[in-house]
Amino acid sequence: MTRPYIDTEHTQHGTGVKYVIRTFLRDVDEQELVWHRDDSNRTVHVLRGSGWKLQKDDELPLDLETGKDYYILKDEYHRLLKGEEDLVLRIENGT
């Protein structure tokens, strides 16, 4: 199964912090944006994208805002709801 996004891995100069730039294209099939859980805590920073939403288990969807951070706990069910533009995220795994 292919993933509905494109990842590029990076290391922050000077600190060695590793992060991923993840891009969801605006023409992604909505059926590919499934409920899932991650293996570690994550900080997700929205770099670009309009109309996308983040929905966590038992919560209403939140509008993703450019420049804002969102925290996803390890094993917390969540999904994305498709927007109008490409969505570009910076993702850092935590502990």
PDB file of N, CA and C in Angstrom:
ATOM      1  N   MET A   1       0.827  -1.177   0.000  1.00  0.00           N
ATOM      2  CA  MET A   1       0.000   0.000   0.000  1.00  0.00           C
ATOM      3  C   MET A   1       0.879   1.250   0.000  1.00  0.00           C
ATOM      4  N   THR A   2       0.581   2.177  -0.875  1.00  0.00           N
ATOM      5  CA  THR A   2       1.347   3.419  -0.905  1.00  0.00           C
ATOM      6  C   THR A   2       0.806   4.387   0.139  1.00  0.00           C
ATOM      7  N   ARG A   3       1.642   5.269   0.571  1.00  0.00           N
ATOM      8  CA  ARG A   3       1.245   6.255   1.571  1.00  0.00           C
ATOM      9  C   ARG A   3       0.674   7.479   0.854  1.00  0.00           C
ATOM     10  N   PRO A   4      -0.284   8.178   1.490  1.00  0.00           N
ATOM     11  CA  PRO A   4      -0.913   9.326   0.845  1.00  0.00           C
ATOM     12  C   PRO A   4      -0.104  10.623   0.974  1.00  0.00           C
ATOM     13  N   TYR A   5       1.185  10.517   1.269  1.00  0.00           N
ATOM     14  CA  TYR A   5       2.027  11.688   1.481  1.00  0.00           C
ATOM     15  C   TYR A   5       3.433  11.420   0.994  1.00  0.00           C
ATOM     16  N   ILE A   6       4.203  12.498   0.916  1.00  0.00           N
ATOM     17  CA  ILE A   6       5.610  12.435   0.535  1.00  0.00           C
ATOM     18  C   ILE A   6       6.411  12.959   1.719  1.00  0.00           C
ATOM     19  N   ASP A   7       7.391  12.199   2.181  1.00  0.00           N
ATOM     20  CA  ASP A   7       8.248  12.597   3.298  1.00  0.00           C
ATOM     21  C   ASP A   7       9.653  12.922   2.806  1.00  0.00           C
ATOM     22  N   THR A   8      10.241  13.955   3.390  1.00  0.00           N
ATOM     23  CA  THR A   8      11.666  14.206   3.227  1.00  0.00           C
ATOM     24  C   THR A   8      12.242  14.408   4.621  1.00  0.00           C
ATOM     25  N   GLU A   9      13.317  13.678   4.923  1.00  0.00           N
ATOM     26  CA  GLU A   9      13.929  13.740   6.247  1.00  0.00           C
ATOM     27  C   GLU A   9      14.986  14.830   6.294  1.00  0.00           C
ATOM     28  N   HIS A  10      15.069  15.508   7.448  1.00  0.00           N
ATOM     29  CA  HIS A  10      16.011  16.615   7.641  1.00  0.00           C
ATOM     30  C   HIS A  10      16.614  16.534   9.032  1.00  0.00           C
ATOM     31  N   THR A  11      17.767  17.191   9.197  1.00  0.00           N
ATOM     32  CA  THR A  11      18.392  17.371  10.500  1.00  0.00           C
ATOM     33  C   THR A  11      18.659  18.853  10.669  1.00  0.00           C
ATOM     34  N   GLN A  12      18.190  19.400  11.798  1.00  0.00           N
ATOM     35  CA  GLN A  12      18.359  20.823  12.052  1.00  0.00           C
ATOM     36  C   GLN A  12      19.821  21.123  12.313  1.00  0.00           C
ATOM     37  N   HIS A  13      20.373  22.051  11.548  1.00  0.00           N
ATOM     38  CA  HIS A  13      21.779  22.439  11.682  1.00  0.00           C
ATOM     39  C   HIS A  13      22.048  23.005  13.077  1.00  0.00           C
ATOM     40  N   GLY A  14      23.103  22.534  13.694  1.00  0.00           N
ATOM     41  CA  GLY A  14      23.505  23.056  14.999  1.00  0.00           C
ATOM     42  C   GLY A  14      22.957  22.281  16.183  1.00  0.00           C
ATOM     43  N   THR A  15      21.745  21.709  16.041  1.00  0.00           N
ATOM     44  CA  THR A  15      21.162  20.990  17.170  1.00  0.00           C
ATOM     45  C   THR A  15      21.109  19.486  16.940  1.00  0.00           C
ATOM     46  N   GLY A  16      21.127  19.079  15.686  1.00  0.00           N
ATOM     47  CA  GLY A  16      21.035  17.657  15.374  1.00  0.00           C
ATOM     48  C   GLY A  16      19.633  17.089  15.485  1.00  0.00           C
ATOM     49  N   VAL A  17      18.640  17.963  15.751  1.00  0.00           N
ATOM     50  CA  VAL A  17      17.255  17.502  15.864  1.00  0.00           C
ATOM     51  C   VAL A  17      16.775  17.028  14.497  1.00  0.00           C
ATOM     52  N   LYS A  18      16.237  15.812  14.476  1.00  0.00           N
ATOM     53  CA  LYS A  18      15.732  15.250  13.223  1.00  0.00           C
ATOM     54  C   LYS A  18      14.242  15.526  13.104  1.00  0.00           C
ATOM     55  N   TYR A  19      13.814  15.837  11.887  1.00  0.00           N
ATOM     56  CA  TYR A  19      12.404  16.080  11.618  1.00  0.00           C
ATOM     57  C   TYR A  19      12.083  15.667  10.183  1.00  0.00           C
ATOM     58  N   VAL A  20      10.801  15.601   9.906  1.00  0.00           N
ATOM     59  CA  VAL A  20      10.322  15.209   8.584  1.00  0.00           C
ATOM     60  C   VAL A  20       9.447  16.333   8.049  1.00  0.00           C
ATOM     61  N   ILE A  21       9.630  16.662   6.782  1.00  0.00           N
ATOM     62  CA  ILE A  21       8.688  17.522   6.077  1.00  0.00           C
ATOM     63  C   ILE A  21       7.755  16.578   5.322  1.00  0.00           C
ATOM     64  N   ARG A  22       6.477  16.645   5.660  1.00  0.00           N
ATOM     65  CA  ARG A  22       5.474  15.745   5.074  1.00  0.00           C
ATOM     66  C   ARG A  22       4.499  16.574   4.243  1.00  0.00           C
ATOM     67  N   THR A  23       4.297  16.148   3.009  1.00  0.00           N
ATOM     68  CA  THR A  23       3.406  16.857   2.091  1.00  0.00           C
ATOM     69  C   THR A  23       2.272  15.946   1.664  1.00  0.00           C
ATOM     70  N   PHE A  24       1.054  16.439   1.851  1.00  0.00           N
ATOM     71  CA  PHE A  24      -0.148  15.791   1.338  1.00  0.00           C
ATOM     72  C   PHE A  24      -0.616  16.646   0.163  1.00  0.00           C
ATOM     73  N   LEU A  25      -0.686  16.060  -1.018  1.00  0.00           N
ATOM     74  CA  LEU A  25      -1.112  16.815  -2.190  1.00  0.00           C
ATOM     75  C   LEU A  25      -2.607  17.050  -2.162  1.00  0.00           C
ATOM     76  N   ARG A  26      -3.035  18.161  -2.713  1.00  0.00           N
ATOM     77  CA  ARG A  26      -4.460  18.537  -2.679  1.00  0.00           C
ATOM     78  C   ARG A  26      -5.340  17.543  -3.410  1.00  0.00           C
ATOM     79  N   ASP A  27      -4.765  16.749  -4.323  1.00  0.00           N
ATOM     80  CA  ASP A  27      -5.575  15.777  -5.055  1.00  0.00           C
ATOM     81  C   ASP A  27      -5.529  14.372  -4.449  1.00  0.00           C
ATOM     82  N   VAL A  28      -5.076  14.262  -3.188  1.00  0.00           N
ATOM     83  CA  VAL A  28      -5.049  12.968  -2.513  1.00  0.00           C
ATOM     84  C   VAL A  28      -6.483  12.430  -2.400  1.00  0.00           C
ATOM     85  N   ASP A  29      -6.628  11.132  -2.560  1.00  0.00           N
ATOM     86  CA  ASP A  29      -7.941  10.491  -2.404  1.00  0.00           C
ATOM     87  C   ASP A  29      -8.301  10.517  -0.916  1.00  0.00           C
ATOM     88  N   GLU A  30      -9.456  11.117  -0.595  1.00  0.00           N
ATOM     89  CA  GLU A  30      -9.873  11.229   0.812  1.00  0.00           C
ATOM     90  C   GLU A  30      -9.934   9.880   1.519  1.00  0.00           C
ATOM     91  N   GLN A  31     -10.198   8.815   0.784  1.00  0.00           N
ATOM     92  CA  GLN A  31     -10.286   7.482   1.392  1.00  0.00           C
ATOM     93  C   GLN A  31      -8.932   6.991   1.891  1.00  0.00           C
ATOM     94  N   GLU A  32      -7.841   7.641   1.468  1.00  0.00           N
ATOM     95  CA  GLU A  32      -6.509   7.270   1.944  1.00  0.00           C
ATOM     96  C   GLU A  32      -6.172   7.920   3.289  1.00  0.00           C
ATOM     97  N   LEU A  33      -6.969   8.897   3.695  1.00  0.00           N
ATOM     98  CA  LEU A  33      -6.728   9.604   4.962  1.00  0.00           C
ATOM     99  C   LEU A  33      -7.490   8.886   6.070  1.00  0.00           C
ATOM    100  N   VAL A  34      -6.918   7.791   6.525  1.00  0.00           N
ATOM    101  CA  VAL A  34      -7.604   6.884   7.438  1.00  0.00           C
ATOM    102  C   VAL A  34      -7.246   7.175   8.902  1.00  0.00           C
ATOM    103  N   TRP A  35      -8.123   6.722   9.811  1.00  0.00           N
ATOM    104  CA  TRP A  35      -7.824   6.763  11.241  1.00  0.00           C
ATOM    105  C   TRP A  35      -6.582   5.916  11.476  1.00  0.00           C
ATOM    106  N   HIS A  36      -5.663   6.405  12.297  1.00  0.00           N
ATOM    107  CA  HIS A  36      -4.445   5.649  12.601  1.00  0.00           C
ATOM    108  C   HIS A  36      -3.853   6.138  13.925  1.00  0.00           C
ATOM    109  N   ARG A  37      -2.848   5.399  14.384  1.00  0.00           N
ATOM    110  CA  ARG A  37      -2.100   5.755  15.597  1.00  0.00           C
ATOM    111  C   ARG A  37      -0.631   5.808  15.244  1.00  0.00           C
ATOM    112  N   ASP A  38       0.132   6.636  15.960  1.00  0.00           N
ATOM    113  CA  ASP A  38       1.570   6.743  15.755  1.00  0.00           C
ATOM    114  C   ASP A  38       2.309   6.025  16.875  1.00  0.00           C
ATOM    115  N   ASP A  39       3.561   5.655  16.585  1.00  0.00           N
ATOM    116  CA  ASP A  39       4.374   4.897  17.537  1.00  0.00           C
ATOM    117  C   ASP A  39       5.046   5.766  18.603  1.00  0.00           C
ATOM    118  N   SER A  40       4.984   7.076  18.437  1.00  0.00           N
ATOM    119  CA  SER A  40       5.597   7.970  19.425  1.00  0.00           C
ATOM    120  C   SER A  40       4.802   9.282  19.471  1.00  0.00           C
ATOM    121  N   ASN A  41       5.027  10.053  20.529  1.00  0.00           N
ATOM    122  CA  ASN A  41       4.439  11.389  20.599  1.00  0.00           C
ATOM    123  C   ASN A  41       4.982  12.214  19.442  1.00  0.00           C
ATOM    124  N   ARG A  42       4.178  13.141  18.933  1.00  0.00           N
ATOM    125  CA  ARG A  42       4.612  13.964  17.816  1.00  0.00           C
ATOM    126  C   ARG A  42       4.188  15.409  18.003  1.00  0.00           C
ATOM    127  N   THR A  43       5.051  16.294  17.540  1.00  0.00           N
ATOM    128  CA  THR A  43       4.699  17.694  17.382  1.00  0.00           C
ATOM    129  C   THR A  43       4.591  17.933  15.884  1.00  0.00           C
ATOM    130  N   VAL A  44       3.444  18.447  15.474  1.00  0.00           N
ATOM    131  CA  VAL A  44       3.182  18.705  14.061  1.00  0.00           C
ATOM    132  C   VAL A  44       3.033  20.215  13.896  1.00  0.00           C
ATOM    133  N   HIS A  45       3.880  20.796  13.061  1.00  0.00           N
ATOM    134  CA  HIS A  45       3.840  22.230  12.790  1.00  0.00           C
ATOM    135  C   HIS A  45       3.358  22.426  11.354  1.00  0.00           C
ATOM    136  N   VAL A  46       2.314  23.221  11.188  1.00  0.00           N
ATOM    137  CA  VAL A  46       1.751  23.444   9.852  1.00  0.00           C
ATOM    138  C   VAL A  46       2.541  24.545   9.152  1.00  0.00           C
ATOM    139  N   LEU A  47       3.177  24.174   8.043  1.00  0.00           N
ATOM    140  CA  LEU A  47       3.936  25.129   7.258  1.00  0.00           C
ATOM    141  C   LEU A  47       3.071  25.801   6.189  1.00  0.00           C
ATOM    142  N   ARG A  48       2.128  25.002   5.626  1.00  0.00           N
ATOM    143  CA  ARG A  48       1.294  25.531   4.549  1.00  0.00           C
ATOM    144  C   ARG A  48       0.093  24.629   4.367  1.00  0.00           C
ATOM    145  N   GLY A  49      -1.017  25.191   3.912  1.00  0.00           N
ATOM    146  CA  GLY A  49      -2.213  24.397   3.628  1.00  0.00           C
ATOM    147  C   GLY A  49      -3.461  25.128   4.086  1.00  0.00           C
ATOM    148  N   SER A  50      -4.522  24.997   3.320  1.00  0.00           N
ATOM    149  CA  SER A  50      -5.757  25.691   3.634  1.00  0.00           C
ATOM    150  C   SER A  50      -6.916  24.700   3.631  1.00  0.00           C
ATOM    151  N   GLY A  51      -7.767  24.802   4.648  1.00  0.00           N
ATOM    152  CA  GLY A  51      -8.974  23.988   4.699  1.00  0.00           C
ATOM    153  C   GLY A  51      -8.811  22.607   5.306  1.00  0.00           C
ATOM    154  N   TRP A  52      -7.595  22.216   5.666  1.00  0.00           N
ATOM    155  CA  TRP A  52      -7.359  20.901   6.257  1.00  0.00           C
ATOM    156  C   TRP A  52      -7.782  20.912   7.719  1.00  0.00           C
ATOM    157  N   LYS A  53      -8.151  19.727   8.215  1.00  0.00           N
ATOM    158  CA  LYS A  53      -8.552  19.580   9.614  1.00  0.00           C
ATOM    159  C   LYS A  53      -7.877  18.354  10.221  1.00  0.00           C
ATOM    160  N   LEU A  54      -7.655  18.413  11.519  1.00  0.00           N
ATOM    161  CA  LEU A  54      -7.154  17.293  12.308  1.00  0.00           C
ATOM    162  C   LEU A  54      -8.281  16.849  13.218  1.00  0.00           C
ATOM    163  N   GLN A  55      -8.573  15.560  13.199  1.00  0.00           N
ATOM    164  CA  GLN A  55      -9.586  15.027  14.103  1.00  0.00           C
ATOM    165  C   GLN A  55      -8.959  13.938  14.952  1.00  0.00           C
ATOM    166  N   LYS A  56      -9.096  14.104  16.265  1.00  0.00           N
ATOM    167  CA  LYS A  56      -8.649  13.083  17.219  1.00  0.00           C
ATOM    168  C   LYS A  56      -9.858  12.295  17.677  1.00  0.00           C
ATOM    169  N   ASP A  57      -9.614  11.096  18.178  1.00  0.00           N
ATOM    170  CA  ASP A  57     -10.673  10.194  18.625  1.00  0.00           C
ATOM    171  C   ASP A  57     -11.592  10.893  19.628  1.00  0.00           C
ATOM    172  N   ASP A  58     -12.892  10.763  19.424  1.00  0.00           N
ATOM    173  CA  ASP A  58     -13.910  11.336  20.306  1.00  0.00           C
ATOM    174  C   ASP A  58     -13.864  12.855  20.407  1.00  0.00           C
ATOM    175  N   GLU A  59     -13.317  13.538  19.383  1.00  0.00           N
ATOM    176  CA  GLU A  59     -13.275  14.998  19.356  1.00  0.00           C
ATOM    177  C   GLU A  59     -13.776  15.496  18.005  1.00  0.00           C
ATOM    178  N   LEU A  60     -14.247  16.723  18.001  1.00  0.00           N
ATOM    179  CA  LEU A  60     -14.630  17.355  16.743  1.00  0.00           C
ATOM    180  C   LEU A  60     -13.371  17.758  15.979  1.00  0.00           C
ATOM    181  N   PRO A  61     -13.436  17.820  14.643  1.00  0.00           N
ATOM    182  CA  PRO A  61     -12.266  18.233  13.853  1.00  0.00           C
ATOM    183  C   PRO A  61     -11.836  19.664  14.179  1.00  0.00           C
ATOM    184  N   LEU A  62     -10.521  19.880  14.182  1.00  0.00           N
ATOM    185  CA  LEU A  62      -9.926  21.205  14.394  1.00  0.00           C
ATOM    186  C   LEU A  62      -9.369  21.712  13.075  1.00  0.00           C
ATOM    187  N   ASP A  63      -9.595  22.988  12.764  1.00  0.00           N
ATOM    188  CA  ASP A  63      -8.964  23.588  11.589  1.00  0.00           C
ATOM    189  C   ASP A  63      -7.461  23.646  11.817  1.00  0.00           C
ATOM    190  N   LEU A  64      -6.681  23.190  10.839  1.00  0.00           N
ATOM    191  CA  LEU A  64      -5.231  23.319  10.923  1.00  0.00           C
ATOM    192  C   LEU A  64      -4.852  24.719  10.453  1.00  0.00           C
ATOM    193  N   GLU A  65      -4.100  25.432  11.281  1.00  0.00           N
ATOM    194  CA  GLU A  65      -3.723  26.809  10.988  1.00  0.00           C
ATOM    195  C   GLU A  65      -2.229  26.892  10.705  1.00  0.00           C
ATOM    196  N   THR A  66      -1.876  27.579   9.625  1.00  0.00           N
ATOM    197  CA  THR A  66      -0.480  27.780   9.271  1.00  0.00           C
ATOM    198  C   THR A  66       0.247  28.468  10.419  1.00  0.00           C
ATOM    199  N   GLY A  67       1.420  27.926  10.765  1.00  0.00           N
ATOM    200  CA  GLY A  67       2.243  28.491  11.827  1.00  0.00           C
ATOM    201  C   GLY A  67       1.954  27.948  13.206  1.00  0.00           C
ATOM    202  N   LYS A  68       0.953  27.103  13.332  1.00  0.00           N
ATOM    203  CA  LYS A  68       0.563  26.585  14.645  1.00  0.00           C
ATOM    204  C   LYS A  68       1.076  25.154  14.840  1.00  0.00           C
ATOM    205  N   ASP A  69       1.361  24.793  16.113  1.00  0.00           N
ATOM    206  CA  ASP A  69       1.780  23.438  16.477  1.00  0.00           C
ATOM    207  C   ASP A  69       0.584  22.645  16.990  1.00  0.00           C
ATOM    208  N   TYR A  70       0.597  21.352  16.692  1.00  0.00           N
ATOM    209  CA  TYR A  70      -0.414  20.419  17.194  1.00  0.00           C
ATOM    210  C   TYR A  70       0.335  19.234  17.774  1.00  0.00           C
ATOM    211  N   TYR A  71      -0.160  18.734  18.909  1.00  0.00           N
ATOM    212  CA  TYR A  71       0.491  17.637  19.610  1.00  0.00           C
ATOM    213  C   TYR A  71      -0.375  16.395  19.501  1.00  0.00           C
ATOM    214  N   ILE A  72       0.270  15.309  19.099  1.00  0.00           N
ATOM    215  CA  ILE A  72      -0.417  14.029  18.968  1.00  0.00           C
ATOM    216  C   ILE A  72       0.306  13.034  19.867  1.00  0.00           C
ATOM    217  N   LEU A  73      -0.428  12.452  20.786  1.00  0.00           N
ATOM    218  CA  LEU A  73       0.159  11.499  21.722  1.00  0.00           C
ATOM    219  C   LEU A  73       0.331  10.130  21.081  1.00  0.00           C
ATOM    220  N   LYS A  74       1.328   9.425  21.541  1.00  0.00           N
ATOM    221  CA  LYS A  74       1.551   8.046  21.118  1.00  0.00           C
ATOM    222  C   LYS A  74       0.257   7.254  21.301  1.00  0.00           C
ATOM    223  N   ASP A  75      -0.099   6.462  20.291  1.00  0.00           N
ATOM    224  CA  ASP A  75      -1.265   5.567  20.300  1.00  0.00           C
ATOM    225  C   ASP A  75      -2.612   6.285  20.323  1.00  0.00           C
ATOM    226  N   GLU A  76      -2.638   7.602  20.098  1.00  0.00           N
ATOM    227  CA  GLU A  76      -3.885   8.350  20.046  1.00  0.00           C
ATOM    228  C   GLU A  76      -4.449   8.271  18.612  1.00  0.00           C
ATOM    229  N   TYR A  77      -5.661   7.745  18.466  1.00  0.00           N
ATOM    230  CA  TYR A  77      -6.272   7.666  17.144  1.00  0.00           C
ATOM    231  C   TYR A  77      -6.539   9.071  16.620  1.00  0.00           C
ATOM    232  N   HIS A  78      -6.219   9.272  15.333  1.00  0.00           N
ATOM    233  CA  HIS A  78      -6.439  10.556  14.695  1.00  0.00           C
ATOM    234  C   HIS A  78      -6.461  10.393  13.179  1.00  0.00           C
ATOM    235  N   ARG A  79      -6.929  11.433  12.502  1.00  0.00           N
ATOM    236  CA  ARG A  79      -6.936  11.436  11.039  1.00  0.00           C
ATOM    237  C   ARG A  79      -6.951  12.874  10.547  1.00  0.00           C
ATOM    238  N   LEU A  80      -6.649  13.025   9.253  1.00  0.00           N
ATOM    239  CA  LEU A  80      -6.748  14.314   8.591  1.00  0.00           C
ATOM    240  C   LEU A  80      -8.001  14.339   7.740  1.00  0.00           C
ATOM    241  N   LEU A  81      -8.569  15.523   7.623  1.00  0.00           N
ATOM    242  CA  LEU A  81      -9.677  15.756   6.705  1.00  0.00           C
ATOM    243  C   LEU A  81      -9.166  16.713   5.637  1.00  0.00           C
ATOM    244  N   LYS A  82      -9.392  16.356   4.401  1.00  0.00           N
ATOM    245  CA  LYS A  82      -8.814  17.024   3.243  1.00  0.00           C
ATOM    246  C   LYS A  82      -9.242  18.483   3.113  1.00  0.00           C
ATOM    247  N   GLY A  83      -8.256  19.311   2.678  1.00  0.00           N
ATOM    248  CA  GLY A  83      -8.484  20.721   2.420  1.00  0.00           C
ATOM    249  C   GLY A  83      -8.404  21.045   0.943  1.00  0.00           C
ATOM    250  N   GLU A  84      -8.238  22.333   0.637  1.00  0.00           N
ATOM    251  CA  GLU A  84      -8.246  22.796  -0.747  1.00  0.00           C
ATOM    252  C   GLU A  84      -6.869  22.861  -1.386  1.00  0.00           C
ATOM    253  N   GLU A  85      -5.812  23.000  -0.602  1.00  0.00           N
ATOM    254  CA  GLU A  85      -4.453  23.147  -1.117  1.00  0.00           C
ATOM    255  C   GLU A  85      -3.601  21.977  -0.648  1.00  0.00           C
ATOM    256  N   ASP A  86      -2.358  21.923  -1.153  1.00  0.00           N
ATOM    257  CA  ASP A  86      -1.402  20.975  -0.606  1.00  0.00           C
ATOM    258  C   ASP A  86      -1.188  21.325   0.870  1.00  0.00           C
ATOM    259  N   LEU A  87      -1.011  20.296   1.689  1.00  0.00           N
ATOM    260  CA  LEU A  87      -0.713  20.481   3.110  1.00  0.00           C
ATOM    261  C   LEU A  87       0.741  20.107   3.337  1.00  0.00           C
ATOM    262  N   VAL A  88       1.504  21.020   3.953  1.00  0.00           N
ATOM    263  CA  VAL A  88       2.914  20.768   4.237  1.00  0.00           C
ATOM    264  C   VAL A  88       3.117  20.901   5.748  1.00  0.00           C
ATOM    265  N   LEU A  89       3.650  19.842   6.350  1.00  0.00           N
ATOM    266  CA  LEU A  89       3.840  19.762   7.795  1.00  0.00           C
ATOM    267  C   LEU A  89       5.305  19.513   8.137  1.00  0.00           C
ATOM    268  N   ARG A  90       5.715  20.018   9.283  1.00  0.00           N
ATOM    269  CA  ARG A  90       7.021  19.647   9.874  1.00  0.00           C
ATOM    270  C   ARG A  90       6.664  18.765  11.064  1.00  0.00           C
ATOM    271  N   ILE A  91       7.208  17.552  11.091  1.00  0.00           N
ATOM    272  CA  ILE A  91       6.869  16.590  12.144  1.00  0.00           C
ATOM    273  C   ILE A  91       8.129  16.210  12.911  1.00  0.00           C
ATOM    274  N   GLU A  92       8.052  16.389  14.242  1.00  0.00           N
ATOM    275  CA  GLU A  92       9.147  15.961  15.129  1.00  0.00           C
ATOM    276  C   GLU A  92       8.610  14.887  16.045  1.00  0.00           C
ATOM    277  N   ASN A  93       9.307  13.773  16.112  1.00  0.00           N
ATOM    278  CA  ASN A  93       8.918  12.710  17.046  1.00  0.00           C
ATOM    279  C   ASN A  93       9.471  13.039  18.410  1.00  0.00           C
ATOM    280  N   GLY A  94       8.657  12.780  19.427  1.00  0.00           N
ATOM    281  CA  GLY A  94       9.076  12.999  20.809  1.00  0.00           C
ATOM    282  C   GLY A  94       9.265  11.673  21.505  1.00  0.00           C
ATOM    283  N   THR A  95       9.186  11.707  22.819  1.00  0.00           N
ATOM    284  CA  THR A  95       9.385  10.488  23.599  1.00  0.00           C
ATOM    285  C   THR A  95       8.060   9.900  23.989  1.00  0.00           C
TER     286      THR A  95
END
